[in-house]
Amino acid sequence: MVEYVGKGKSIMDVGLAQADLPLNTRCHYYELEITDAGEKCYIALGLARRDYPKNRHPGWSRGSIAYHADDGKLFQGRGVGDAFGPRCFEGDVMGCGIMFPRDYILDSGDDRDDGDLEVRPKQRRVQNDLYMNDEDEEEDGEELEGEQEGRKVMVFFTRNGKVVGRKEVAVPAGGFYPTIGMMSTGEKVRVDLHPLSG
């Protein structure tokens, strides 16, 4: 169970949890169940680069894509979302996965087995960490010069076991990590990083 323990008073009060390993060809999908929608259900499920800013909802900054429960919008690397799917509520199960090409090779360099996946932070609550360094924050539309576009994959999202939609995106260096964000009082989710393993 992951619980939001922040103040939920501004867009800087994001609580972010990220898996230790990126999705890969053997572990390519994960889910969360909304066990408590909290005050506003500002819950986001998606994928992000490893060094994603801790004070930004998934999908708001470059190297990320996310389906947001409160409005059903898809956010991809910017703070403005596009109409995508239905809103999600308490009891709904949201899922996110990647359809990899047959010849895909992950460049993470991490030898650990998929069974070692854990959602961070380890204390099992979403932390509301505010960083004082400007290097951990990004503005909408900020792009790094010389950034190489990664190999394209198809990212898909589900709601209660049915595909909501999909989007082709470039994988950032190191891969896409399962990432969830919360931003209002009382939100709780149950995360399953291996829902397809039975």
N, C-alpha and C. Protein backbone atom coordinates (compact mmCIF):
# COMPACT_ATOMS: atom_id res chain seq x y z
N MET A 1 0.85 -1.18 0.00
CA MET A 1 0.00 0.00 0.00
C MET A 1 0.90 1.24 0.00
N VAL A 2 0.60 2.17 -0.87
CA VAL A 2 1.32 3.44 -0.93
C VAL A 2 0.31 4.52 -0.55
N GLU A 3 0.71 5.38 0.37
CA GLU A 3 -0.18 6.41 0.89
C GLU A 3 0.44 7.79 0.74
N TYR A 4 -0.36 8.76 0.33
CA TYR A 4 0.11 10.14 0.22
C TYR A 4 0.08 10.77 1.61
N VAL A 5 1.21 11.32 2.03
CA VAL A 5 1.29 11.94 3.36
C VAL A 5 1.67 13.42 3.28
N GLY A 6 1.62 13.99 2.10
CA GLY A 6 1.94 15.41 1.92
C GLY A 6 0.80 16.31 2.34
N LYS A 7 1.00 17.59 2.12
CA LYS A 7 0.00 18.59 2.49
C LYS A 7 -1.11 18.73 1.45
N GLY A 8 -0.77 18.53 0.18
CA GLY A 8 -1.77 18.62 -0.87
C GLY A 8 -2.32 20.02 -1.08
N LYS A 9 -1.51 21.02 -0.80
CA LYS A 9 -1.98 22.41 -0.89
C LYS A 9 -1.59 23.11 -2.19
N SER A 10 -0.59 22.61 -2.91
CA SER A 10 -0.17 23.25 -4.16
C SER A 10 0.41 22.20 -5.10
N ILE A 11 0.70 22.62 -6.34
CA ILE A 11 1.27 21.67 -7.30
C ILE A 11 2.70 21.27 -6.95
N MET A 12 3.29 21.92 -5.97
CA MET A 12 4.62 21.53 -5.51
C MET A 12 4.56 20.42 -4.46
N ASP A 13 3.36 20.08 -4.01
CA ASP A 13 3.18 19.06 -2.97
C ASP A 13 2.98 17.67 -3.55
N VAL A 14 3.67 17.36 -4.63
CA VAL A 14 3.56 16.05 -5.27
C VAL A 14 4.29 15.00 -4.45
N GLY A 15 3.67 13.85 -4.29
CA GLY A 15 4.33 12.69 -3.72
C GLY A 15 4.60 11.73 -4.87
N LEU A 16 5.83 11.27 -5.01
CA LEU A 16 6.23 10.45 -6.16
C LEU A 16 6.82 9.14 -5.67
N ALA A 17 6.43 8.04 -6.28
CA ALA A 17 7.03 6.73 -6.00
C ALA A 17 7.45 6.13 -7.33
N GLN A 18 8.64 5.52 -7.34
CA GLN A 18 9.17 4.97 -8.58
C GLN A 18 9.79 3.61 -8.29
N ALA A 19 9.59 2.66 -9.21
CA ALA A 19 10.18 1.33 -9.08
C ALA A 19 11.70 1.42 -9.21
N ASP A 20 12.37 0.43 -8.66
CA ASP A 20 13.84 0.39 -8.72
C ASP A 20 14.37 0.03 -10.10
N LEU A 21 13.56 -0.67 -10.91
CA LEU A 21 14.00 -1.12 -12.23
C LEU A 21 13.01 -0.68 -13.30
N PRO A 22 13.50 -0.48 -14.52
CA PRO A 22 12.59 -0.10 -15.61
C PRO A 22 11.79 -1.30 -16.10
N LEU A 23 10.69 -1.01 -16.79
CA LEU A 23 9.97 -2.08 -17.46
C LEU A 23 10.88 -2.65 -18.54
N ASN A 24 10.71 -3.95 -18.81
CA ASN A 24 11.52 -4.60 -19.84
C ASN A 24 10.67 -5.64 -20.55
N THR A 25 11.26 -6.41 -21.41
CA THR A 25 10.49 -7.36 -22.22
C THR A 25 9.89 -8.50 -21.39
N ARG A 26 10.43 -8.78 -20.21
CA ARG A 26 9.87 -9.83 -19.35
C ARG A 26 8.88 -9.29 -18.34
N CYS A 27 9.05 -8.06 -17.94
CA CYS A 27 8.15 -7.40 -16.98
C CYS A 27 7.75 -6.08 -17.62
N HIS A 28 6.66 -6.11 -18.37
CA HIS A 28 6.34 -4.97 -19.23
C HIS A 28 5.05 -4.23 -18.85
N TYR A 29 4.44 -4.58 -17.71
CA TYR A 29 3.14 -4.00 -17.34
C TYR A 29 3.01 -3.96 -15.83
N TYR A 30 2.36 -2.93 -15.32
CA TYR A 30 2.07 -2.87 -13.89
C TYR A 30 0.72 -2.19 -13.67
N GLU A 31 0.18 -2.36 -12.46
CA GLU A 31 -1.13 -1.80 -12.14
C GLU A 31 -1.13 -1.17 -10.75
N LEU A 32 -2.13 -0.31 -10.55
CA LEU A 32 -2.43 0.17 -9.21
C LEU A 32 -3.93 0.14 -9.02
N GLU A 33 -4.35 -0.16 -7.80
CA GLU A 33 -5.76 -0.09 -7.43
C GLU A 33 -5.95 1.11 -6.53
N ILE A 34 -6.92 1.95 -6.84
CA ILE A 34 -7.20 3.11 -6.01
C ILE A 34 -8.03 2.62 -4.82
N THR A 35 -7.39 2.48 -3.66
CA THR A 35 -8.11 2.01 -2.47
C THR A 35 -8.76 3.15 -1.71
N ASP A 36 -8.24 4.36 -1.87
CA ASP A 36 -8.87 5.56 -1.30
C ASP A 36 -8.54 6.72 -2.24
N ALA A 37 -9.56 7.33 -2.82
CA ALA A 37 -9.35 8.42 -3.77
C ALA A 37 -8.93 9.71 -3.09
N GLY A 38 -9.02 9.76 -1.77
CA GLY A 38 -8.62 10.96 -1.05
C GLY A 38 -9.52 12.13 -1.36
N GLU A 39 -9.00 13.32 -1.10
CA GLU A 39 -9.78 14.54 -1.26
C GLU A 39 -10.13 14.84 -2.71
N LYS A 40 -9.16 14.66 -3.64
CA LYS A 40 -9.38 15.07 -5.04
C LYS A 40 -9.00 14.03 -6.08
N CYS A 41 -8.49 12.90 -5.67
CA CYS A 41 -8.08 11.82 -6.59
C CYS A 41 -7.05 12.30 -7.62
N TYR A 42 -6.07 13.08 -7.14
CA TYR A 42 -4.98 13.54 -8.01
C TYR A 42 -3.92 12.44 -8.12
N ILE A 43 -4.32 11.30 -8.64
CA ILE A 43 -3.45 10.14 -8.75
C ILE A 43 -3.04 9.97 -10.21
N ALA A 44 -1.75 9.76 -10.44
CA ALA A 44 -1.24 9.57 -11.80
C ALA A 44 -0.44 8.28 -11.86
N LEU A 45 -0.62 7.54 -12.95
CA LEU A 45 0.08 6.29 -13.19
C LEU A 45 0.80 6.42 -14.51
N GLY A 46 2.09 6.10 -14.52
CA GLY A 46 2.80 6.22 -15.78
C GLY A 46 4.21 5.70 -15.74
N LEU A 47 5.01 6.25 -16.63
CA LEU A 47 6.41 5.86 -16.79
C LEU A 47 7.26 7.11 -16.85
N ALA A 48 8.46 7.02 -16.27
CA ALA A 48 9.35 8.17 -16.27
C ALA A 48 10.80 7.72 -16.29
N ARG A 49 11.66 8.63 -16.72
CA ARG A 49 13.11 8.37 -16.69
C ARG A 49 13.55 8.25 -15.22
N ARG A 50 14.70 7.65 -15.02
CA ARG A 50 15.21 7.38 -13.67
C ARG A 50 15.39 8.65 -12.85
N ASP A 51 15.90 9.72 -13.47
CA ASP A 51 16.21 10.95 -12.72
C ASP A 51 15.05 11.94 -12.77
N TYR A 52 13.84 11.45 -12.81
CA TYR A 52 12.66 12.32 -12.90
C TYR A 52 12.55 13.20 -11.65
N PRO A 53 12.20 14.49 -11.83
CA PRO A 53 12.11 15.39 -10.66
C PRO A 53 11.08 14.90 -9.64
N LYS A 54 11.45 14.90 -8.38
CA LYS A 54 10.59 14.37 -7.32
C LYS A 54 9.40 15.27 -7.00
N ASN A 55 9.41 16.50 -7.50
CA ASN A 55 8.32 17.43 -7.20
C ASN A 55 7.41 17.66 -8.41
N ARG A 56 7.43 16.73 -9.36
CA ARG A 56 6.60 16.86 -10.57
C ARG A 56 5.76 15.60 -10.75
N HIS A 57 4.47 15.79 -11.00
CA HIS A 57 3.59 14.66 -11.29
C HIS A 57 4.09 13.94 -12.54
N PRO A 58 3.98 12.61 -12.60
CA PRO A 58 4.36 11.91 -13.83
C PRO A 58 3.60 12.48 -15.02
N GLY A 59 4.33 12.69 -16.11
CA GLY A 59 3.75 13.25 -17.32
C GLY A 59 3.97 14.74 -17.48
N TRP A 60 4.28 15.44 -16.41
CA TRP A 60 4.45 16.89 -16.46
C TRP A 60 5.78 17.34 -17.03
N SER A 61 6.82 16.51 -16.95
CA SER A 61 8.16 16.89 -17.40
C SER A 61 8.68 15.90 -18.43
N ARG A 62 9.72 16.33 -19.17
CA ARG A 62 10.29 15.51 -20.24
C ARG A 62 10.67 14.12 -19.72
N GLY A 63 10.64 13.16 -20.61
CA GLY A 63 11.00 11.79 -20.24
C GLY A 63 9.94 11.09 -19.43
N SER A 64 8.68 11.50 -19.59
CA SER A 64 7.60 10.85 -18.84
C SER A 64 6.30 10.87 -19.62
N ILE A 65 5.43 9.94 -19.26
CA ILE A 65 4.08 9.86 -19.81
C ILE A 65 3.20 9.28 -18.71
N ALA A 66 1.98 9.82 -18.56
CA ALA A 66 1.11 9.33 -17.49
C ALA A 66 -0.36 9.58 -17.78
N TYR A 67 -1.17 8.69 -17.24
CA TYR A 67 -2.63 8.76 -17.28
C TYR A 67 -3.07 9.26 -15.92
N HIS A 68 -3.81 10.36 -15.88
CA HIS A 68 -4.22 10.99 -14.63
C HIS A 68 -5.66 10.63 -14.29
N ALA A 69 -5.87 10.12 -13.07
CA ALA A 69 -7.18 9.63 -12.64
C ALA A 69 -8.23 10.72 -12.51
N ASP A 70 -7.82 11.90 -12.06
CA ASP A 70 -8.81 12.95 -11.75
C ASP A 70 -9.54 13.49 -12.97
N ASP A 71 -8.86 13.53 -14.12
CA ASP A 71 -9.49 14.10 -15.31
C ASP A 71 -9.45 13.19 -16.54
N GLY A 72 -8.81 12.02 -16.42
CA GLY A 72 -8.74 11.08 -17.54
C GLY A 72 -7.81 11.52 -18.66
N LYS A 73 -6.99 12.53 -18.40
CA LYS A 73 -6.11 13.05 -19.45
C LYS A 73 -4.77 12.31 -19.49
N LEU A 74 -4.15 12.35 -20.67
CA LEU A 74 -2.81 11.81 -20.87
C LEU A 74 -1.85 12.98 -20.91
N PHE A 75 -0.83 12.90 -20.06
CA PHE A 75 0.21 13.93 -20.01
C PHE A 75 1.49 13.30 -20.53
N GLN A 76 2.16 14.01 -21.46
CA GLN A 76 3.41 13.51 -22.01
C GLN A 76 4.43 14.63 -22.08
N GLY A 77 5.25 14.74 -21.04
CA GLY A 77 6.36 15.68 -21.03
C GLY A 77 5.99 17.14 -20.94
N ARG A 78 4.76 17.45 -20.56
CA ARG A 78 4.37 18.85 -20.38
C ARG A 78 3.19 18.92 -19.42
N GLY A 79 2.97 20.10 -18.87
CA GLY A 79 1.95 20.30 -17.85
C GLY A 79 0.53 20.42 -18.34
N VAL A 80 0.32 20.23 -19.63
CA VAL A 80 -1.03 20.29 -20.20
C VAL A 80 -1.35 18.92 -20.77
N GLY A 81 -2.48 18.34 -20.33
CA GLY A 81 -2.85 17.02 -20.79
C GLY A 81 -3.81 17.05 -21.96
N ASP A 82 -3.91 15.91 -22.64
CA ASP A 82 -4.84 15.74 -23.76
C ASP A 82 -5.94 14.77 -23.35
N ALA A 83 -7.17 15.01 -23.83
CA ALA A 83 -8.27 14.09 -23.57
C ALA A 83 -7.83 12.69 -23.98
N PHE A 84 -8.09 11.69 -23.12
CA PHE A 84 -7.56 10.36 -23.39
C PHE A 84 -8.55 9.25 -23.02
N GLY A 85 -9.01 9.24 -21.77
CA GLY A 85 -9.87 8.16 -21.31
C GLY A 85 -10.78 8.62 -20.20
N PRO A 86 -11.49 7.66 -19.59
CA PRO A 86 -12.40 8.02 -18.51
C PRO A 86 -11.65 8.38 -17.23
N ARG A 87 -12.32 9.14 -16.38
CA ARG A 87 -11.78 9.41 -15.05
C ARG A 87 -11.78 8.11 -14.26
N CYS A 88 -10.96 8.04 -13.23
CA CYS A 88 -10.88 6.85 -12.39
C CYS A 88 -11.24 7.23 -10.96
N PHE A 89 -11.81 6.27 -10.23
CA PHE A 89 -12.31 6.52 -8.89
C PHE A 89 -11.88 5.40 -7.95
N GLU A 90 -12.25 5.54 -6.68
CA GLU A 90 -11.96 4.50 -5.70
C GLU A 90 -12.48 3.16 -6.20
N GLY A 91 -11.64 2.12 -6.09
CA GLY A 91 -12.00 0.79 -6.56
C GLY A 91 -11.53 0.49 -7.97
N ASP A 92 -11.22 1.51 -8.75
CA ASP A 92 -10.73 1.29 -10.11
C ASP A 92 -9.29 0.80 -10.10
N VAL A 93 -8.96 -0.02 -11.10
CA VAL A 93 -7.59 -0.50 -11.29
C VAL A 93 -7.06 0.13 -12.57
N MET A 94 -5.98 0.88 -12.43
CA MET A 94 -5.32 1.53 -13.57
C MET A 94 -4.07 0.73 -13.92
N GLY A 95 -3.79 0.57 -15.20
CA GLY A 95 -2.61 -0.18 -15.62
C GLY A 95 -1.81 0.58 -16.66
N CYS A 96 -0.52 0.25 -16.73
CA CYS A 96 0.37 0.88 -17.70
C CYS A 96 1.38 -0.16 -18.17
N GLY A 97 1.61 -0.20 -19.48
CA GLY A 97 2.56 -1.16 -20.00
C GLY A 97 3.21 -0.68 -21.29
N ILE A 98 4.17 -1.47 -21.73
CA ILE A 98 4.89 -1.17 -22.97
C ILE A 98 4.80 -2.37 -23.89
N MET A 99 4.48 -2.11 -25.16
CA MET A 99 4.57 -3.14 -26.20
C MET A 99 5.93 -2.93 -26.86
N PHE A 100 6.87 -3.81 -26.53
CA PHE A 100 8.23 -3.72 -27.07
C PHE A 100 8.33 -4.38 -28.44
N PRO A 101 9.15 -3.83 -29.34
CA PRO A 101 9.43 -4.52 -30.60
C PRO A 101 10.15 -5.84 -30.29
N ARG A 102 10.06 -6.81 -31.16
CA ARG A 102 10.68 -8.13 -30.93
C ARG A 102 12.18 -8.04 -30.67
N ASP A 103 12.86 -7.14 -31.34
CA ASP A 103 14.32 -7.06 -31.23
C ASP A 103 14.79 -6.01 -30.22
N TYR A 104 13.92 -5.62 -29.29
CA TYR A 104 14.26 -4.55 -28.35
C TYR A 104 15.32 -5.03 -27.34
N ILE A 105 16.31 -4.17 -27.08
CA ILE A 105 17.34 -4.45 -26.08
C ILE A 105 17.36 -3.29 -25.11
N LEU A 106 17.17 -3.58 -23.82
CA LEU A 106 17.19 -2.55 -22.79
C LEU A 106 18.62 -2.14 -22.52
N ASP A 107 18.86 -0.83 -22.43
CA ASP A 107 20.23 -0.33 -22.21
C ASP A 107 20.47 0.10 -20.77
N SER A 108 19.74 -0.47 -19.80
CA SER A 108 19.89 -0.02 -18.41
C SER A 108 21.19 -0.50 -17.78
N GLY A 109 21.72 -1.65 -18.24
CA GLY A 109 22.95 -2.16 -17.67
C GLY A 109 22.77 -2.75 -16.29
N ASP A 110 21.54 -2.98 -15.87
CA ASP A 110 21.27 -3.50 -14.53
C ASP A 110 21.06 -5.01 -14.63
N ASP A 111 21.82 -5.78 -13.87
CA ASP A 111 21.78 -7.24 -13.96
C ASP A 111 20.73 -7.88 -13.06
N ARG A 112 20.09 -7.12 -12.19
CA ARG A 112 19.17 -7.72 -11.24
C ARG A 112 18.00 -8.38 -11.96
N ASP A 113 17.48 -9.42 -11.34
CA ASP A 113 16.32 -10.12 -11.87
C ASP A 113 15.08 -9.27 -11.67
N ASP A 114 14.07 -9.48 -12.50
CA ASP A 114 12.82 -8.73 -12.39
C ASP A 114 12.16 -8.91 -11.03
N GLY A 115 12.43 -10.01 -10.36
CA GLY A 115 11.83 -10.26 -9.06
C GLY A 115 12.29 -9.29 -7.99
N ASP A 116 13.33 -8.52 -8.27
CA ASP A 116 13.85 -7.57 -7.29
C ASP A 116 13.14 -6.22 -7.33
N LEU A 117 12.14 -6.07 -8.17
CA LEU A 117 11.46 -4.79 -8.28
C LEU A 117 10.77 -4.42 -6.97
N GLU A 118 10.96 -3.19 -6.56
CA GLU A 118 10.25 -2.64 -5.41
C GLU A 118 9.90 -1.21 -5.70
N VAL A 119 8.78 -0.77 -5.17
CA VAL A 119 8.41 0.63 -5.32
C VAL A 119 9.15 1.41 -4.26
N ARG A 120 9.78 2.51 -4.67
CA ARG A 120 10.42 3.40 -3.71
C ARG A 120 9.41 4.46 -3.32
N PRO A 121 9.42 5.06 -2.20
CA PRO A 121 10.33 4.86 -1.08
C PRO A 121 10.00 3.59 -0.31
N LYS A 122 11.00 2.99 0.31
CA LYS A 122 10.85 1.70 0.95
C LYS A 122 9.93 1.72 2.18
N GLN A 123 9.74 2.89 2.81
CA GLN A 123 8.87 2.94 3.97
C GLN A 123 7.40 2.84 3.58
N ARG A 124 7.13 2.65 2.28
CA ARG A 124 5.81 2.34 1.75
C ARG A 124 4.82 3.49 1.88
N ARG A 125 5.33 4.71 1.94
CA ARG A 125 4.48 5.88 1.87
C ARG A 125 5.09 6.84 0.87
N VAL A 126 4.27 7.57 0.17
CA VAL A 126 4.78 8.55 -0.78
C VAL A 126 5.27 9.74 0.01
N GLN A 127 6.51 10.11 -0.20
CA GLN A 127 7.09 11.24 0.52
C GLN A 127 6.83 12.54 -0.21
N ASN A 128 6.72 13.59 0.53
CA ASN A 128 6.56 14.92 -0.04
C ASN A 128 7.88 15.65 0.20
N ASP A 129 8.86 15.38 -0.63
CA ASP A 129 10.17 15.99 -0.49
C ASP A 129 10.26 17.23 -1.36
N LEU A 130 10.60 18.34 -0.76
CA LEU A 130 10.81 19.57 -1.52
C LEU A 130 12.31 19.78 -1.63
N TYR A 131 12.79 19.96 -2.84
CA TYR A 131 14.21 20.13 -3.07
C TYR A 131 14.53 21.60 -3.27
N MET A 132 15.59 22.04 -2.65
CA MET A 132 15.99 23.44 -2.73
C MET A 132 16.85 23.72 -3.95
N ASN A 133 17.47 22.72 -4.52
CA ASN A 133 18.33 22.93 -5.69
C ASN A 133 17.48 23.10 -6.94
N ASP A 134 17.81 24.10 -7.73
CA ASP A 134 17.09 24.33 -8.97
C ASP A 134 17.27 23.18 -9.96
N GLU A 135 18.35 22.40 -9.80
CA GLU A 135 18.61 21.33 -10.74
C GLU A 135 17.57 20.22 -10.67
N ASP A 136 16.83 20.13 -9.57
CA ASP A 136 15.81 19.10 -9.43
C ASP A 136 14.45 19.54 -9.92
N GLU A 137 14.34 20.78 -10.38
CA GLU A 137 13.08 21.29 -10.86
C GLU A 137 13.17 21.57 -12.36
N GLU A 138 12.05 21.50 -13.02
CA GLU A 138 12.00 21.79 -14.45
C GLU A 138 10.79 22.63 -14.73
N GLU A 139 10.90 23.44 -15.74
CA GLU A 139 9.76 24.23 -16.20
C GLU A 139 9.13 23.51 -17.38
N ASP A 140 7.84 23.76 -17.64
CA ASP A 140 7.17 23.17 -18.79
C ASP A 140 7.92 23.53 -20.07
N GLY A 141 8.07 22.53 -20.94
CA GLY A 141 8.67 22.78 -22.24
C GLY A 141 10.18 22.85 -22.23
N GLU A 142 10.82 22.73 -21.07
CA GLU A 142 12.27 22.81 -21.03
C GLU A 142 12.85 21.58 -21.71
N GLU A 143 13.82 21.80 -22.57
CA GLU A 143 14.44 20.68 -23.27
C GLU A 143 15.94 20.77 -23.11
N LEU A 144 16.57 19.61 -23.01
CA LEU A 144 18.01 19.58 -22.91
C LEU A 144 18.60 19.59 -24.31
N GLU A 145 19.61 20.42 -24.51
CA GLU A 145 20.26 20.47 -25.81
C GLU A 145 21.02 19.18 -26.04
N GLY A 146 20.94 18.71 -27.26
CA GLY A 146 21.69 17.51 -27.62
C GLY A 146 21.07 16.23 -27.11
N GLU A 147 19.88 16.29 -26.52
CA GLU A 147 19.26 15.07 -26.03
C GLU A 147 18.95 14.15 -27.20
N GLN A 148 19.36 12.90 -27.09
CA GLN A 148 19.11 11.96 -28.17
C GLN A 148 17.74 11.32 -27.97
N GLU A 149 17.02 11.20 -29.05
CA GLU A 149 15.73 10.52 -28.96
C GLU A 149 16.00 9.03 -28.91
N GLY A 150 15.37 8.35 -27.96
CA GLY A 150 15.56 6.92 -27.81
C GLY A 150 14.71 6.13 -28.79
N ARG A 151 14.79 4.85 -28.69
CA ARG A 151 14.02 3.94 -29.53
C ARG A 151 12.54 4.08 -29.18
N LYS A 152 11.69 4.02 -30.18
CA LYS A 152 10.25 4.20 -29.94
C LYS A 152 9.59 2.89 -29.56
N VAL A 153 8.67 2.99 -28.60
CA VAL A 153 7.85 1.87 -28.17
C VAL A 153 6.41 2.35 -28.07
N MET A 154 5.49 1.41 -27.96
CA MET A 154 4.08 1.74 -27.78
C MET A 154 3.73 1.58 -26.30
N VAL A 155 3.37 2.68 -25.66
CA VAL A 155 2.94 2.65 -24.26
C VAL A 155 1.41 2.58 -24.27
N PHE A 156 0.85 1.71 -23.42
CA PHE A 156 -0.60 1.60 -23.35
C PHE A 156 -1.07 1.71 -21.90
N PHE A 157 -2.31 2.11 -21.74
CA PHE A 157 -2.91 2.28 -20.42
C PHE A 157 -4.23 1.52 -20.37
N THR A 158 -4.55 0.98 -19.18
CA THR A 158 -5.80 0.26 -19.00
C THR A 158 -6.57 0.83 -17.81
N ARG A 159 -7.86 0.56 -17.82
CA ARG A 159 -8.73 0.87 -16.68
C ARG A 159 -9.63 -0.35 -16.49
N ASN A 160 -9.53 -0.96 -15.31
CA ASN A 160 -10.32 -2.15 -14.98
C ASN A 160 -10.19 -3.25 -16.04
N GLY A 161 -8.95 -3.46 -16.51
CA GLY A 161 -8.64 -4.54 -17.42
C GLY A 161 -8.90 -4.27 -18.89
N LYS A 162 -9.43 -3.11 -19.23
CA LYS A 162 -9.70 -2.78 -20.62
C LYS A 162 -8.75 -1.69 -21.09
N VAL A 163 -8.21 -1.86 -22.29
CA VAL A 163 -7.28 -0.86 -22.84
C VAL A 163 -8.03 0.45 -23.08
N VAL A 164 -7.47 1.52 -22.51
CA VAL A 164 -8.03 2.87 -22.67
C VAL A 164 -7.49 3.51 -23.94
N GLY A 165 -6.18 3.31 -24.17
CA GLY A 165 -5.54 3.90 -25.33
C GLY A 165 -4.05 3.63 -25.30
N ARG A 166 -3.39 4.07 -26.35
CA ARG A 166 -1.94 3.87 -26.45
C ARG A 166 -1.30 5.06 -27.12
N LYS A 167 0.02 5.16 -26.96
CA LYS A 167 0.76 6.29 -27.52
C LYS A 167 2.19 5.83 -27.80
N GLU A 168 2.68 6.16 -29.00
CA GLU A 168 4.07 5.85 -29.33
C GLU A 168 4.97 6.91 -28.73
N VAL A 169 6.01 6.46 -28.02
CA VAL A 169 6.93 7.40 -27.36
C VAL A 169 8.36 6.89 -27.47
N ALA A 170 9.30 7.81 -27.35
CA ALA A 170 10.72 7.46 -27.35
C ALA A 170 11.14 7.11 -25.93
N VAL A 171 11.85 6.00 -25.78
CA VAL A 171 12.32 5.56 -24.47
C VAL A 171 13.55 6.37 -24.08
N PRO A 172 13.56 6.97 -22.88
CA PRO A 172 14.75 7.72 -22.46
C PRO A 172 15.92 6.78 -22.18
N ALA A 173 17.13 7.30 -22.21
CA ALA A 173 18.31 6.50 -21.87
C ALA A 173 18.09 5.86 -20.51
N GLY A 174 18.35 4.57 -20.40
CA GLY A 174 18.16 3.86 -19.13
C GLY A 174 16.80 3.22 -18.98
N GLY A 175 15.86 3.58 -19.82
CA GLY A 175 14.55 2.94 -19.78
C GLY A 175 13.47 3.75 -19.10
N PHE A 176 12.26 3.20 -19.12
CA PHE A 176 11.08 3.80 -18.49
C PHE A 176 10.79 3.07 -17.19
N TYR A 177 10.73 3.80 -16.08
CA TYR A 177 10.47 3.23 -14.77
C TYR A 177 9.00 3.44 -14.39
N PRO A 178 8.34 2.39 -13.86
CA PRO A 178 6.99 2.58 -13.34
C PRO A 178 7.01 3.69 -12.30
N THR A 179 6.14 4.68 -12.47
CA THR A 179 6.13 5.86 -11.60
C THR A 179 4.69 6.25 -11.31
N ILE A 180 4.41 6.49 -10.03
CA ILE A 180 3.08 6.98 -9.66
C ILE A 180 3.23 8.28 -8.90
N GLY A 181 2.22 9.12 -9.03
CA GLY A 181 2.21 10.38 -8.31
C GLY A 181 0.88 10.57 -7.62
N MET A 182 0.92 11.26 -6.48
CA MET A 182 -0.29 11.60 -5.74
C MET A 182 -0.16 13.03 -5.27
N MET A 183 -1.32 13.68 -5.04
CA MET A 183 -1.21 15.09 -4.70
C MET A 183 -2.39 15.63 -3.88
N SER A 184 -3.19 14.76 -3.26
CA SER A 184 -4.22 15.29 -2.36
C SER A 184 -4.37 14.39 -1.14
N THR A 185 -4.77 15.00 -0.06
CA THR A 185 -4.87 14.35 1.24
C THR A 185 -5.71 13.07 1.19
N GLY A 186 -5.18 12.02 1.83
CA GLY A 186 -5.92 10.77 2.00
C GLY A 186 -5.81 9.76 0.88
N GLU A 187 -5.07 10.05 -0.17
CA GLU A 187 -4.97 9.11 -1.29
C GLU A 187 -4.16 7.87 -0.90
N LYS A 188 -4.68 6.70 -1.30
CA LYS A 188 -3.99 5.43 -1.06
C LYS A 188 -4.17 4.54 -2.28
N VAL A 189 -3.10 3.87 -2.68
CA VAL A 189 -3.16 2.93 -3.79
C VAL A 189 -2.41 1.65 -3.43
N ARG A 190 -2.82 0.56 -4.04
CA ARG A 190 -2.12 -0.71 -3.91
C ARG A 190 -1.46 -0.96 -5.26
N VAL A 191 -0.14 -1.09 -5.26
CA VAL A 191 0.62 -1.25 -6.50
C VAL A 191 0.99 -2.71 -6.70
N ASP A 192 0.83 -3.21 -7.91
CA ASP A 192 1.23 -4.56 -8.27
C ASP A 192 2.15 -4.46 -9.49
N LEU A 193 3.44 -4.70 -9.26
CA LEU A 193 4.42 -4.60 -10.34
C LEU A 193 4.48 -5.86 -11.21
N HIS A 194 3.81 -6.93 -10.78
CA HIS A 194 3.81 -8.20 -11.53
C HIS A 194 2.40 -8.76 -11.66
N PRO A 195 1.43 -8.00 -12.15
CA PRO A 195 0.05 -8.51 -12.20
C PRO A 195 -0.16 -9.66 -13.18
N LEU A 196 0.73 -9.83 -14.13
CA LEU A 196 0.55 -10.87 -15.15
C LEU A 196 1.21 -12.18 -14.78
N SER A 197 1.88 -12.24 -13.60
CA SER A 197 2.60 -13.46 -13.23
C SER A 197 1.71 -14.44 -12.48
N GLY A 198 0.47 -14.10 -12.24
CA GLY A 198 -0.53 -15.00 -11.72
C GLY A 198 -0.46 -15.28 -10.30
